[in-house]
């Protein structure tokens, strides 16, 4: 049965763990077996782990899981818990007397929504990995627990977001999928260009337009500006895209690069100095690869759909309204 989720890609599982009181969490994408991986970091404020390993010139060729974590740089500790769970299962890269699981990770900044002194740890990462399965719940789960969008006027004018997923089968049967946590500084638009979620008018709660506000110099934020909370200046949209096609590391990196087009179609503005936008790509290698132009172009649209689903599945939380306010 097709779930229209990243887990439709054979060999891909997803697990979530979160703290609903502290509004933070972890989401893990597992590759059953191993997967060739690539990454493309576009935002100006990334928080990552093991991304250098995904360079085609690096020696390790495959990874075992990707961790998407809340908690800013503190949350990178959750990846250690993912590694521990995989080690217990006998999964890892042979390194002399040990197996070392390869778990690249990236974080979102969610310390401005929940308590600033609570963030994911190794135990939460372990739990997310342990619960990984064939379904991929959306909305305010896992790392999506702390996600929000529309920060130009500060957190009080933002909206709640979450995590979303989508998949599509190519004409030759190759499967592609995306999982995206949308914690963007900008606004989110649907496939027809309609504004769905983002910055709200402090006077009446109606949606404004960040791009229009950017044309008013008085609204431009600046770090250290005491009129605005600095939590609104630190964001990040993270994505994992996957396919069952057989790709090299260089091709996986190109796939991650092309998937960023999906973020740009759905989020405006994106890749700002206040975002750490990062896309990981996984290729499980279970079938011959189609043309990379076809693969990456369709995957970009799948990624854009996953962004839209992230805000549509979100619910009000932490004092922020959501598109789904019912």
C-alpha atoms as a PDB file:
ATOM      1  CA  UNK A   1       0.000   0.000   0.000  1.00  0.00           C
ATOM      2  CA  UNK A   2       1.300   3.450  -0.912  1.00  0.00           C
ATOM      3  CA  UNK A   3       1.306   5.830   2.043  1.00  0.00           C
ATOM      4  CA  UNK A   4       2.409   8.936   0.097  1.00  0.00           C
ATOM      5  CA  UNK A   5       5.299   9.279   2.521  1.00  0.00           C
ATOM      6  CA  UNK A   6       9.079   8.967   2.380  1.00  0.00           C
ATOM      7  CA  UNK A   7       8.654   5.453   3.776  1.00  0.00           C
ATOM      8  CA  UNK A   8       7.226   4.405   0.399  1.00  0.00           C
ATOM      9  CA  UNK A   9      10.870   4.283  -0.685  1.00  0.00           C
ATOM     10  CA  UNK A  10      11.889   0.651  -0.027  1.00  0.00           C
ATOM     11  CA  UNK A  11      14.345   0.411   2.833  1.00  0.00           C
ATOM     12  CA  UNK A  12      13.416   3.727   4.481  1.00  0.00           C
ATOM     13  CA  UNK A  13      11.872   3.960   7.952  1.00  0.00           C
ATOM     14  CA  UNK A  14      10.952   6.999  10.096  1.00  0.00           C
ATOM     15  CA  UNK A  15      10.847   7.379  13.861  1.00  0.00           C
ATOM     16  CA  UNK A  16       9.808  10.321  16.054  1.00  0.00           C
ATOM     17  CA  UNK A  17      10.327  11.189  19.711  1.00  0.00           C
ATOM     18  CA  UNK A  18       9.441  14.466  21.400  1.00  0.00           C
ATOM     19  CA  UNK A  19       8.690  16.352  24.596  1.00  0.00           C
ATOM     20  CA  UNK A  20       5.263  17.971  24.238  1.00  0.00           C
ATOM     21  CA  UNK A  21       5.838  20.107  27.321  1.00  0.00           C
ATOM     22  CA  UNK A  22       9.182  21.535  26.229  1.00  0.00           C
ATOM     23  CA  UNK A  23       8.086  21.671  22.549  1.00  0.00           C
ATOM     24  CA  UNK A  24      11.111  19.988  21.075  1.00  0.00           C
ATOM     25  CA  UNK A  25      11.910  16.632  19.525  1.00  0.00           C
ATOM     26  CA  UNK A  26      13.863  14.370  17.190  1.00  0.00           C
ATOM     27  CA  UNK A  27      12.996  12.638  13.918  1.00  0.00           C
ATOM     28  CA  UNK A  28      15.156   9.842  12.524  1.00  0.00           C
ATOM     29  CA  UNK A  29      15.214   8.518   8.974  1.00  0.00           C
ATOM     30  CA  UNK A  30      16.719   5.032   8.938  1.00  0.00           C
ATOM     31  CA  UNK A  31      18.120   3.222   5.931  1.00  0.00           C
ATOM     32  CA  UNK A  32      17.558  -0.489   6.472  1.00  0.00           C
ATOM     33  CA  UNK A  33      20.817  -1.873   5.251  1.00  0.00           C
ATOM     34  CA  UNK A  34      22.805   1.150   4.161  1.00  0.00           C
ATOM     35  CA  UNK A  35      22.352   4.047   1.771  1.00  0.00           C
ATOM     36  CA  UNK A  36      24.594   6.269  -0.276  1.00  0.00           C
ATOM     37  CA  UNK A  37      24.096   9.812   0.987  1.00  0.00           C
ATOM     38  CA  UNK A  38      24.675  13.398  -0.049  1.00  0.00           C
ATOM     39  CA  UNK A  39      23.965  16.792   1.494  1.00  0.00           C
ATOM     40  CA  UNK A  40      23.559  20.411   0.450  1.00  0.00           C
ATOM     41  CA  UNK A  41      23.665  23.211   3.047  1.00  0.00           C
ATOM     42  CA  UNK A  42      22.229  26.499   1.774  1.00  0.00           C
ATOM     43  CA  UNK A  43      21.225  28.524   4.832  1.00  0.00           C
ATOM     44  CA  UNK A  44      23.499  30.998   6.576  1.00  0.00           C
ATOM     45  CA  UNK A  45      23.091  29.589  10.095  1.00  0.00           C
ATOM     46  CA  UNK A  46      23.426  25.789   9.951  1.00  0.00           C
ATOM     47  CA  UNK A  47      23.972  23.393  12.824  1.00  0.00           C
ATOM     48  CA  UNK A  48      25.191  20.047  11.502  1.00  0.00           C
ATOM     49  CA  UNK A  49      27.160  16.895  12.260  1.00  0.00           C
ATOM     50  CA  UNK A  50      29.038  14.546   9.884  1.00  0.00           C
ATOM     51  CA  UNK A  51      28.165  16.551   6.772  1.00  0.00           C
ATOM     52  CA  UNK A  52      31.828  16.640   5.673  1.00  0.00           C
ATOM     53  CA  UNK A  53      31.697  12.852   5.513  1.00  0.00           C
ATOM     54  CA  UNK A  54      29.161  13.095   2.688  1.00  0.00           C
ATOM     55  CA  UNK A  55      31.595  14.840   0.382  1.00  0.00           C
ATOM     56  CA  UNK A  56      32.262  12.516  -2.588  1.00  0.00           C
ATOM     57  CA  UNK A  57      35.979  12.677  -1.782  1.00  0.00           C
ATOM     58  CA  UNK A  58      35.470  11.328   1.766  1.00  0.00           C
ATOM     59  CA  UNK A  59      36.199   7.657   2.335  1.00  0.00           C
ATOM     60  CA  UNK A  60      32.968   6.396   3.947  1.00  0.00           C
ATOM     61  CA  UNK A  61      30.503   5.630   1.172  1.00  0.00           C
ATOM     62  CA  UNK A  62      27.253   4.906   3.012  1.00  0.00           C
ATOM     63  CA  UNK A  63      25.258   5.996   6.048  1.00  0.00           C
ATOM     64  CA  UNK A  64      22.833   4.211   8.353  1.00  0.00           C
ATOM     65  CA  UNK A  65      20.489   6.991   9.491  1.00  0.00           C
ATOM     66  CA  UNK A  66      19.873  10.742   9.418  1.00  0.00           C
ATOM     67  CA  UNK A  67      18.830  12.615  12.577  1.00  0.00           C
ATOM     68  CA  UNK A  68      16.807  15.841  12.455  1.00  0.00           C
ATOM     69  CA  UNK A  69      16.832  17.459  15.888  1.00  0.00           C
ATOM     70  CA  UNK A  70      15.415  20.395  17.798  1.00  0.00           C
ATOM     71  CA  UNK A  71      17.377  22.287  20.410  1.00  0.00           C
ATOM     72  CA  UNK A  72      19.831  24.187  18.208  1.00  0.00           C
ATOM     73  CA  UNK A  73      23.442  23.001  18.618  1.00  0.00           C
ATOM     74  CA  UNK A  74      22.550  21.338  21.939  1.00  0.00           C
ATOM     75  CA  UNK A  75      20.266  18.958  20.041  1.00  0.00           C
ATOM     76  CA  UNK A  76      23.126  17.426  18.081  1.00  0.00           C
ATOM     77  CA  UNK A  77      23.681  15.245  21.168  1.00  0.00           C
ATOM     78  CA  UNK A  78      20.588  13.281  20.100  1.00  0.00           C
ATOM     79  CA  UNK A  79      22.579  11.752  17.237  1.00  0.00           C
ATOM     80  CA  UNK A  80      24.718   9.919  19.801  1.00  0.00           C
ATOM     81  CA  UNK A  81      21.600   8.124  21.011  1.00  0.00           C
ATOM     82  CA  UNK A  82      20.762   7.103  17.455  1.00  0.00           C
ATOM     83  CA  UNK A  83      24.282   5.707  17.117  1.00  0.00           C
ATOM     84  CA  UNK A  84      23.929   3.763  20.350  1.00  0.00           C
ATOM     85  CA  UNK A  85      20.672   2.149  19.237  1.00  0.00           C
ATOM     86  CA  UNK A  86      22.183   1.153  15.896  1.00  0.00           C
ATOM     87  CA  UNK A  87      25.307  -0.206  17.618  1.00  0.00           C
ATOM     88  CA  UNK A  88      23.117  -2.406  19.835  1.00  0.00           C
ATOM     89  CA  UNK A  89      21.527  -3.798  16.667  1.00  0.00           C
ATOM     90  CA  UNK A  90      24.953  -4.647  15.251  1.00  0.00           C
ATOM     91  CA  UNK A  91      24.793  -1.902  12.635  1.00  0.00           C
ATOM     92  CA  UNK A  92      27.803   0.235  11.767  1.00  0.00           C
ATOM     93  CA  UNK A  93      30.854   0.897   9.666  1.00  0.00           C
ATOM     94  CA  UNK A  94      33.621  -1.644  10.402  1.00  0.00           C
ATOM     95  CA  UNK A  95      36.428   0.313  12.069  1.00  0.00           C
ATOM     96  CA  UNK A  96      38.995  -2.085  13.464  1.00  0.00           C
ATOM     97  CA  UNK A  97      37.532  -3.744  16.582  1.00  0.00           C
ATOM     98  CA  UNK A  98      34.329  -1.659  16.515  1.00  0.00           C
ATOM     99  CA  UNK A  99      31.240  -0.981  14.462  1.00  0.00           C
ATOM    100  CA  UNK A 100      30.651   2.765  14.118  1.00  0.00           C
ATOM    101  CA  UNK A 101      27.167   3.755  12.930  1.00  0.00           C
ATOM    102  CA  UNK A 102      27.278   6.687  10.519  1.00  0.00           C
ATOM    103  CA  UNK A 103      24.565   9.187  11.483  1.00  0.00           C
ATOM    104  CA  UNK A 104      24.732  12.657   9.920  1.00  0.00           C
ATOM    105  CA  UNK A 105      22.505  15.159  11.704  1.00  0.00           C
ATOM    106  CA  UNK A 106      21.198  18.703  11.548  1.00  0.00           C
ATOM    107  CA  UNK A 107      19.242  20.893  13.956  1.00  0.00           C
ATOM    108  CA  UNK A 108      16.537  23.520  13.996  1.00  0.00           C
ATOM    109  CA  UNK A 109      16.418  26.403  16.447  1.00  0.00           C
ATOM    110  CA  UNK A 110      13.291  25.921  18.571  1.00  0.00           C
ATOM    111  CA  UNK A 111      14.543  27.442  21.836  1.00  0.00           C
ATOM    112  CA  UNK A 112      12.318  30.477  21.332  1.00  0.00           C
ATOM    113  CA  UNK A 113       9.080  28.471  21.420  1.00  0.00           C
ATOM    114  CA  UNK A 114       9.503  26.219  24.459  1.00  0.00           C
ATOM    115  CA  UNK A 115      11.865  26.532  27.444  1.00  0.00           C
ATOM    116  CA  UNK A 116      15.304  27.621  26.303  1.00  0.00           C
ATOM    117  CA  UNK A 117      17.028  25.198  28.700  1.00  0.00           C
ATOM    118  CA  UNK A 118      15.304  22.024  27.416  1.00  0.00           C
ATOM    119  CA  UNK A 119      16.450  20.257  24.298  1.00  0.00           C
ATOM    120  CA  UNK A 120      16.789  16.752  22.821  1.00  0.00           C
ATOM    121  CA  UNK A 121      19.426  14.474  24.314  1.00  0.00           C
ATOM    122  CA  UNK A 122      20.871  11.060  23.528  1.00  0.00           C
ATOM    123  CA  UNK A 123      17.923   9.310  25.197  1.00  0.00           C
ATOM    124  CA  UNK A 124      15.452  11.065  22.906  1.00  0.00           C
ATOM    125  CA  UNK A 125      17.554  10.198  19.855  1.00  0.00           C
ATOM    126  CA  UNK A 126      17.680   6.567  20.974  1.00  0.00           C
ATOM    127  CA  UNK A 127      13.887   6.520  21.363  1.00  0.00           C
ATOM    128  CA  UNK A 128      13.283   8.027  17.927  1.00  0.00           C
ATOM    129  CA  UNK A 129      15.554   5.437  16.316  1.00  0.00           C
ATOM    130  CA  UNK A 130      13.991   2.574  18.273  1.00  0.00           C
ATOM    131  CA  UNK A 131      10.469   3.514  17.143  1.00  0.00           C
ATOM    132  CA  UNK A 132      11.360   3.879  13.440  1.00  0.00           C
ATOM    133  CA  UNK A 133       8.809   2.135  11.265  1.00  0.00           C
ATOM    134  CA  UNK A 134       7.009   2.158   7.916  1.00  0.00           C
ATOM    135  CA  UNK A 135       4.687   5.069   8.711  1.00  0.00           C
ATOM    136  CA  UNK A 136       5.696   8.735   8.930  1.00  0.00           C
ATOM    137  CA  UNK A 137       3.302  10.809  11.077  1.00  0.00           C
ATOM    138  CA  UNK A 138       3.091  14.494  10.153  1.00  0.00           C
ATOM    139  CA  UNK A 139       2.503  17.751  11.977  1.00  0.00           C
ATOM    140  CA  UNK A 140       3.674  18.563  15.479  1.00  0.00           C
ATOM    141  CA  UNK A 141       5.571  15.346  16.098  1.00  0.00           C
ATOM    142  CA  UNK A 142       9.267  14.629  16.484  1.00  0.00           C
ATOM    143  CA  UNK A 143      11.409  17.553  15.411  1.00  0.00           C
ATOM    144  CA  UNK A 144       8.235  19.213  14.111  1.00  0.00           C
ATOM    145  CA  UNK A 145       7.145  19.803  17.719  1.00  0.00           C
ATOM    146  CA  UNK A 146       9.141  23.043  17.885  1.00  0.00           C
ATOM    147  CA  UNK A 147       8.749  24.297  14.313  1.00  0.00           C
ATOM    148  CA  UNK A 148       7.269  27.670  13.388  1.00  0.00           C
ATOM    149  CA  UNK A 149       7.210  30.036  10.392  1.00  0.00           C
ATOM    150  CA  UNK A 150       6.913  33.749   9.645  1.00  0.00           C
ATOM    151  CA  UNK A 151       9.421  35.439  11.975  1.00  0.00           C
ATOM    152  CA  UNK A 152      10.037  38.886  10.499  1.00  0.00           C
ATOM    153  CA  UNK A 153       7.997  40.602  13.240  1.00  0.00           C
ATOM    154  CA  UNK A 154       9.163  38.281  16.011  1.00  0.00           C
ATOM    155  CA  UNK A 155       7.845  35.063  17.525  1.00  0.00           C
ATOM    156  CA  UNK A 156       4.601  36.629  18.768  1.00  0.00           C
ATOM    157  CA  UNK A 157       3.551  37.221  15.143  1.00  0.00           C
ATOM    158  CA  UNK A 158       4.675  33.790  13.875  1.00  0.00           C
ATOM    159  CA  UNK A 159       2.601  30.660  13.150  1.00  0.00           C
ATOM    160  CA  UNK A 160       3.023  27.042  14.171  1.00  0.00           C
ATOM    161  CA  UNK A 161       4.446  24.620  11.637  1.00  0.00           C
ATOM    162  CA  UNK A 162       5.589  21.007  11.787  1.00  0.00           C
ATOM    163  CA  UNK A 163       6.942  18.144   9.734  1.00  0.00           C
ATOM    164  CA  UNK A 164       5.518  16.883   6.445  1.00  0.00           C
ATOM    165  CA  UNK A 165       6.181  14.124   3.944  1.00  0.00           C
ATOM    166  CA  UNK A 166       5.256  13.061   0.402  1.00  0.00           C
ATOM    167  CA  UNK A 167       6.278  10.519  -2.232  1.00  0.00           C
ATOM    168  CA  UNK A 168       5.832   9.787  -5.911  1.00  0.00           C
ATOM    169  CA  UNK A 169       6.585   6.919  -8.255  1.00  0.00           C
ATOM    170  CA  UNK A 170       8.406   7.807 -11.468  1.00  0.00           C
ATOM    171  CA  UNK A 171       7.166   6.319 -14.768  1.00  0.00           C
ATOM    172  CA  UNK A 172       9.726   3.505 -14.568  1.00  0.00           C
ATOM    173  CA  UNK A 173       8.686   2.614 -11.021  1.00  0.00           C
ATOM    174  CA  UNK A 174      11.535   4.379  -9.224  1.00  0.00           C
ATOM    175  CA  UNK A 175      10.252   5.764  -5.934  1.00  0.00           C
ATOM    176  CA  UNK A 176      11.166   9.169  -4.505  1.00  0.00           C
ATOM    177  CA  UNK A 177      10.109  10.712  -1.221  1.00  0.00           C
ATOM    178  CA  UNK A 178      10.776  13.656   1.056  1.00  0.00           C
ATOM    179  CA  UNK A 179      10.454  14.433   4.764  1.00  0.00           C
ATOM    180  CA  UNK A 180      10.676  18.135   5.688  1.00  0.00           C
ATOM    181  CA  UNK A 181      10.569  20.003   9.003  1.00  0.00           C
ATOM    182  CA  UNK A 182       9.603  23.591   8.244  1.00  0.00           C
ATOM    183  CA  UNK A 183      11.034  26.039  10.768  1.00  0.00           C
ATOM    184  CA  UNK A 184      11.433  28.904   8.330  1.00  0.00           C
ATOM    185  CA  UNK A 185      11.983  32.624   8.758  1.00  0.00           C
ATOM    186  CA  UNK A 186       9.802  33.178   5.707  1.00  0.00           C
ATOM    187  CA  UNK A 187       6.237  32.305   4.688  1.00  0.00           C
ATOM    188  CA  UNK A 188       4.833  29.115   3.132  1.00  0.00           C
ATOM    189  CA  UNK A 189       2.908  29.078  -0.161  1.00  0.00           C
ATOM    190  CA  UNK A 190       0.898  26.301  -1.790  1.00  0.00           C
ATOM    191  CA  UNK A 191       1.258  24.901  -5.306  1.00  0.00           C
ATOM    192  CA  UNK A 192      -0.967  27.651  -6.754  1.00  0.00           C
ATOM    193  CA  UNK A 193       1.030  30.434  -5.086  1.00  0.00           C
ATOM    194  CA  UNK A 194      -1.489  31.129  -2.317  1.00  0.00           C
ATOM    195  CA  UNK A 195      -0.063  32.220   1.039  1.00  0.00           C
ATOM    196  CA  UNK A 196      -0.818  29.522   3.620  1.00  0.00           C
ATOM    197  CA  UNK A 197       1.150  30.348   6.762  1.00  0.00           C
ATOM    198  CA  UNK A 198       3.644  32.911   7.944  1.00  0.00           C
ATOM    199  CA  UNK A 199       3.812  36.299   9.609  1.00  0.00           C
ATOM    200  CA  UNK A 200       0.604  37.692  11.113  1.00  0.00           C
ATOM    201  CA  UNK A 201      -0.544  41.260  11.621  1.00  0.00           C
ATOM    202  CA  UNK A 202      -0.096  41.997  15.360  1.00  0.00           C
ATOM    203  CA  UNK A 203      -3.257  44.125  15.254  1.00  0.00           C
ATOM    204  CA  UNK A 204      -5.733  41.573  13.909  1.00  0.00           C
ATOM    205  CA  UNK A 205      -3.944  38.270  13.320  1.00  0.00           C
ATOM    206  CA  UNK A 206      -4.422  38.371   9.552  1.00  0.00           C
ATOM    207  CA  UNK A 207      -1.654  37.018   7.354  1.00  0.00           C
ATOM    208  CA  UNK A 208       0.811  39.568   6.064  1.00  0.00           C
ATOM    209  CA  UNK A 209       3.423  39.029   3.350  1.00  0.00           C
ATOM    210  CA  UNK A 210       7.069  38.862   4.345  1.00  0.00           C
ATOM    211  CA  UNK A 211       8.263  39.823   0.869  1.00  0.00           C
ATOM    212  CA  UNK A 212       6.097  42.962   1.005  1.00  0.00           C
ATOM    213  CA  UNK A 213       7.398  43.785   4.470  1.00  0.00           C
ATOM    214  CA  UNK A 214      10.969  43.421   3.242  1.00  0.00           C
ATOM    215  CA  UNK A 215      10.312  46.365   0.948  1.00  0.00           C
ATOM    216  CA  UNK A 216       9.747  48.511   4.046  1.00  0.00           C
ATOM    217  CA  UNK A 217      13.179  49.215   5.582  1.00  0.00           C
ATOM    218  CA  UNK A 218      11.682  49.896   9.008  1.00  0.00           C
ATOM    219  CA  UNK A 219      10.676  46.233   9.332  1.00  0.00           C
ATOM    220  CA  UNK A 220      14.090  44.767   8.546  1.00  0.00           C
ATOM    221  CA  UNK A 221      15.374  42.830  11.585  1.00  0.00           C
ATOM    222  CA  UNK A 222      18.892  43.014  12.913  1.00  0.00           C
ATOM    223  CA  UNK A 223      20.713  40.868  15.433  1.00  0.00           C
ATOM    224  CA  UNK A 224      20.882  42.630  18.771  1.00  0.00           C
ATOM    225  CA  UNK A 225      17.858  44.802  17.992  1.00  0.00           C
ATOM    226  CA  UNK A 226      16.139  45.101  21.370  1.00  0.00           C
ATOM    227  CA  UNK A 227      12.799  45.796  19.681  1.00  0.00           C
ATOM    228  CA  UNK A 228      12.668  42.174  18.531  1.00  0.00           C
ATOM    229  CA  UNK A 229      13.398  38.839  20.150  1.00  0.00           C
ATOM    230  CA  UNK A 230      16.531  37.224  18.754  1.00  0.00           C
ATOM    231  CA  UNK A 231      14.771  33.832  18.806  1.00  0.00           C
ATOM    232  CA  UNK A 232      12.942  34.954  15.657  1.00  0.00           C
ATOM    233  CA  UNK A 233      16.264  35.385  13.867  1.00  0.00           C
ATOM    234  CA  UNK A 234      17.411  31.784  14.161  1.00  0.00           C
ATOM    235  CA  UNK A 235      15.466  29.220  12.147  1.00  0.00           C
ATOM    236  CA  UNK A 236      16.112  26.398   9.631  1.00  0.00           C
ATOM    237  CA  UNK A 237      14.204  24.099   7.304  1.00  0.00           C
ATOM    238  CA  UNK A 238      15.602  20.571   7.162  1.00  0.00           C
ATOM    239  CA  UNK A 239      14.768  17.874   4.637  1.00  0.00           C
ATOM    240  CA  UNK A 240      15.653  14.281   3.940  1.00  0.00           C
ATOM    241  CA  UNK A 241      14.916  13.125   0.402  1.00  0.00           C
ATOM    242  CA  UNK A 242      15.214   9.515  -0.627  1.00  0.00           C
ATOM    243  CA  UNK A 243      15.049   7.213  -3.616  1.00  0.00           C
ATOM    244  CA  UNK A 244      15.487   3.511  -4.257  1.00  0.00           C
ATOM    245  CA  UNK A 245      17.670   4.317  -7.272  1.00  0.00           C
ATOM    246  CA  UNK A 246      21.326   3.362  -7.395  1.00  0.00           C
ATOM    247  CA  UNK A 247      23.395   6.557  -7.154  1.00  0.00           C
ATOM    248  CA  UNK A 248      26.996   7.508  -6.508  1.00  0.00           C
ATOM    249  CA  UNK A 249      27.886   9.936  -3.704  1.00  0.00           C
ATOM    250  CA  UNK A 250      28.362  12.686  -6.275  1.00  0.00           C
ATOM    251  CA  UNK A 251      24.900  12.001  -7.717  1.00  0.00           C
ATOM    252  CA  UNK A 252      23.363  11.913  -4.232  1.00  0.00           C
ATOM    253  CA  UNK A 253      24.875  15.326  -3.543  1.00  0.00           C
ATOM    254  CA  UNK A 254      23.432  16.621  -6.810  1.00  0.00           C
ATOM    255  CA  UNK A 255      20.037  15.219  -5.800  1.00  0.00           C
ATOM    256  CA  UNK A 256      20.192  17.117  -2.494  1.00  0.00           C
ATOM    257  CA  UNK A 257      21.079  20.287  -4.386  1.00  0.00           C
ATOM    258  CA  UNK A 258      18.142  19.901  -6.786  1.00  0.00           C
ATOM    259  CA  UNK A 259      15.727  19.198  -3.925  1.00  0.00           C
ATOM    260  CA  UNK A 260      16.454  22.678  -2.552  1.00  0.00           C
ATOM    261  CA  UNK A 261      14.412  23.990  -5.482  1.00  0.00           C
ATOM    262  CA  UNK A 262      11.378  22.532  -3.727  1.00  0.00           C
ATOM    263  CA  UNK A 263      12.098  24.595  -0.639  1.00  0.00           C
ATOM    264  CA  UNK A 264      12.434  27.734  -2.760  1.00  0.00           C
ATOM    265  CA  UNK A 265       9.092  27.094  -4.461  1.00  0.00           C
ATOM    266  CA  UNK A 266       7.185  26.767  -1.191  1.00  0.00           C
ATOM    267  CA  UNK A 267       9.053  29.071   1.208  1.00  0.00           C
ATOM    268  CA  UNK A 268       9.603  32.797   0.591  1.00  0.00           C
ATOM    269  CA  UNK A 269      12.180  33.994   1.396  1.00  0.00           C
ATOM    270  CA  UNK A 270      14.410  30.956   1.936  1.00  0.00           C
ATOM    271  CA  UNK A 271      18.144  30.330   2.451  1.00  0.00           C
ATOM    272  CA  UNK A 272      18.460  33.570   4.435  1.00  0.00           C
ATOM    273  CA  UNK A 273      21.285  34.474   6.842  1.00  0.00           C
ATOM    274  CA  UNK A 274      18.849  33.526   9.627  1.00  0.00           C
ATOM    275  CA  UNK A 275      18.146  29.998   8.303  1.00  0.00           C
ATOM    276  CA  UNK A 276      20.341  26.901   8.297  1.00  0.00           C
ATOM    277  CA  UNK A 277      18.473  25.210   5.457  1.00  0.00           C
ATOM    278  CA  UNK A 278      19.940  21.750   4.826  1.00  0.00           C
ATOM    279  CA  UNK A 279      18.849  18.865   2.578  1.00  0.00           C
ATOM    280  CA  UNK A 280      20.145  15.304   2.942  1.00  0.00           C
ATOM    281  CA  UNK A 281      19.692  12.779   0.135  1.00  0.00           C
ATOM    282  CA  UNK A 282      19.589   8.987   0.548  1.00  0.00           C
ATOM    283  CA  UNK A 283      19.796   6.398  -2.235  1.00  0.00           C
ATOM    284  CA  UNK A 284      19.103   2.809  -1.200  1.00  0.00           C
ATOM    285  CA  UNK A 285      20.313   1.419  -4.547  1.00  0.00           C
ATOM    286  CA  UNK A 286      17.635  -1.219  -5.051  1.00  0.00           C
ATOM    287  CA  UNK A 287      17.002  -0.450  -8.726  1.00  0.00           C
ATOM    288  CA  UNK A 288      18.852   1.106 -11.681  1.00  0.00           C
ATOM    289  CA  UNK A 289      18.844   4.887 -11.653  1.00  0.00           C
ATOM    290  CA  UNK A 290      16.707   6.838 -14.136  1.00  0.00           C
ATOM    291  CA  UNK A 291      18.006  10.013 -15.734  1.00  0.00           C
ATOM    292  CA  UNK A 292      19.189  12.299 -12.911  1.00  0.00           C
ATOM    293  CA  UNK A 293      17.415  15.272 -14.506  1.00  0.00           C
ATOM    294  CA  UNK A 294      14.094  13.435 -14.235  1.00  0.00           C
ATOM    295  CA  UNK A 295      14.846  12.122 -10.764  1.00  0.00           C
ATOM    296  CA  UNK A 296      15.903  15.442  -9.252  1.00  0.00           C
ATOM    297  CA  UNK A 297      13.279  17.571 -10.974  1.00  0.00           C
ATOM    298  CA  UNK A 298      10.385  15.417  -9.775  1.00  0.00           C
ATOM    299  CA  UNK A 299      11.920  15.108  -6.323  1.00  0.00           C
ATOM    300  CA  UNK A 300      12.017  18.918  -6.052  1.00  0.00           C
ATOM    301  CA  UNK A 301       8.250  18.999  -6.556  1.00  0.00           C
ATOM    302  CA  UNK A 302       7.796  16.215  -4.005  1.00  0.00           C
ATOM    303  CA  UNK A 303       9.849  18.278  -1.546  1.00  0.00           C
ATOM    304  CA  UNK A 304       7.667  21.345  -2.124  1.00  0.00           C
ATOM    305  CA  UNK A 305       4.553  19.270  -1.447  1.00  0.00           C
ATOM    306  CA  UNK A 306       6.067  17.985   1.803  1.00  0.00           C
ATOM    307  CA  UNK A 307       6.665  21.606   2.902  1.00  0.00           C
ATOM    308  CA  UNK A 308       3.006  22.457   2.307  1.00  0.00           C
ATOM    309  CA  UNK A 309       1.863  19.353   4.176  1.00  0.00           C
ATOM    310  CA  UNK A 310       4.016  20.343   7.158  1.00  0.00           C
ATOM    311  CA  UNK A 311       2.018  23.532   7.746  1.00  0.00           C
ATOM    312  CA  UNK A 312      -1.312  21.952   6.861  1.00  0.00           C
ATOM    313  CA  UNK A 313      -0.790  19.195   9.435  1.00  0.00           C
ATOM    314  CA  UNK A 314       0.400  21.525  12.210  1.00  0.00           C
ATOM    315  CA  UNK A 315      -1.825  22.354  15.186  1.00  0.00           C
ATOM    316  CA  UNK A 316      -1.824  25.374  17.543  1.00  0.00           C
ATOM    317  CA  UNK A 317       0.876  25.046  20.179  1.00  0.00           C
ATOM    318  CA  UNK A 318       3.109  27.189  22.364  1.00  0.00           C
ATOM    319  CA  UNK A 319       0.786  30.162  22.024  1.00  0.00           C
ATOM    320  CA  UNK A 320       1.042  30.155  18.228  1.00  0.00           C
ATOM    321  CA  UNK A 321      -1.935  29.589  15.926  1.00  0.00           C
ATOM    322  CA  UNK A 322      -1.759  27.138  13.026  1.00  0.00           C
ATOM    323  CA  UNK A 323      -3.359  26.822   9.628  1.00  0.00           C
ATOM    324  CA  UNK A 324      -5.288  23.901  11.062  1.00  0.00           C
ATOM    325  CA  UNK A 325      -6.932  25.773  13.921  1.00  0.00           C
ATOM    326  CA  UNK A 326      -9.918  23.478  14.221  1.00  0.00           C
END
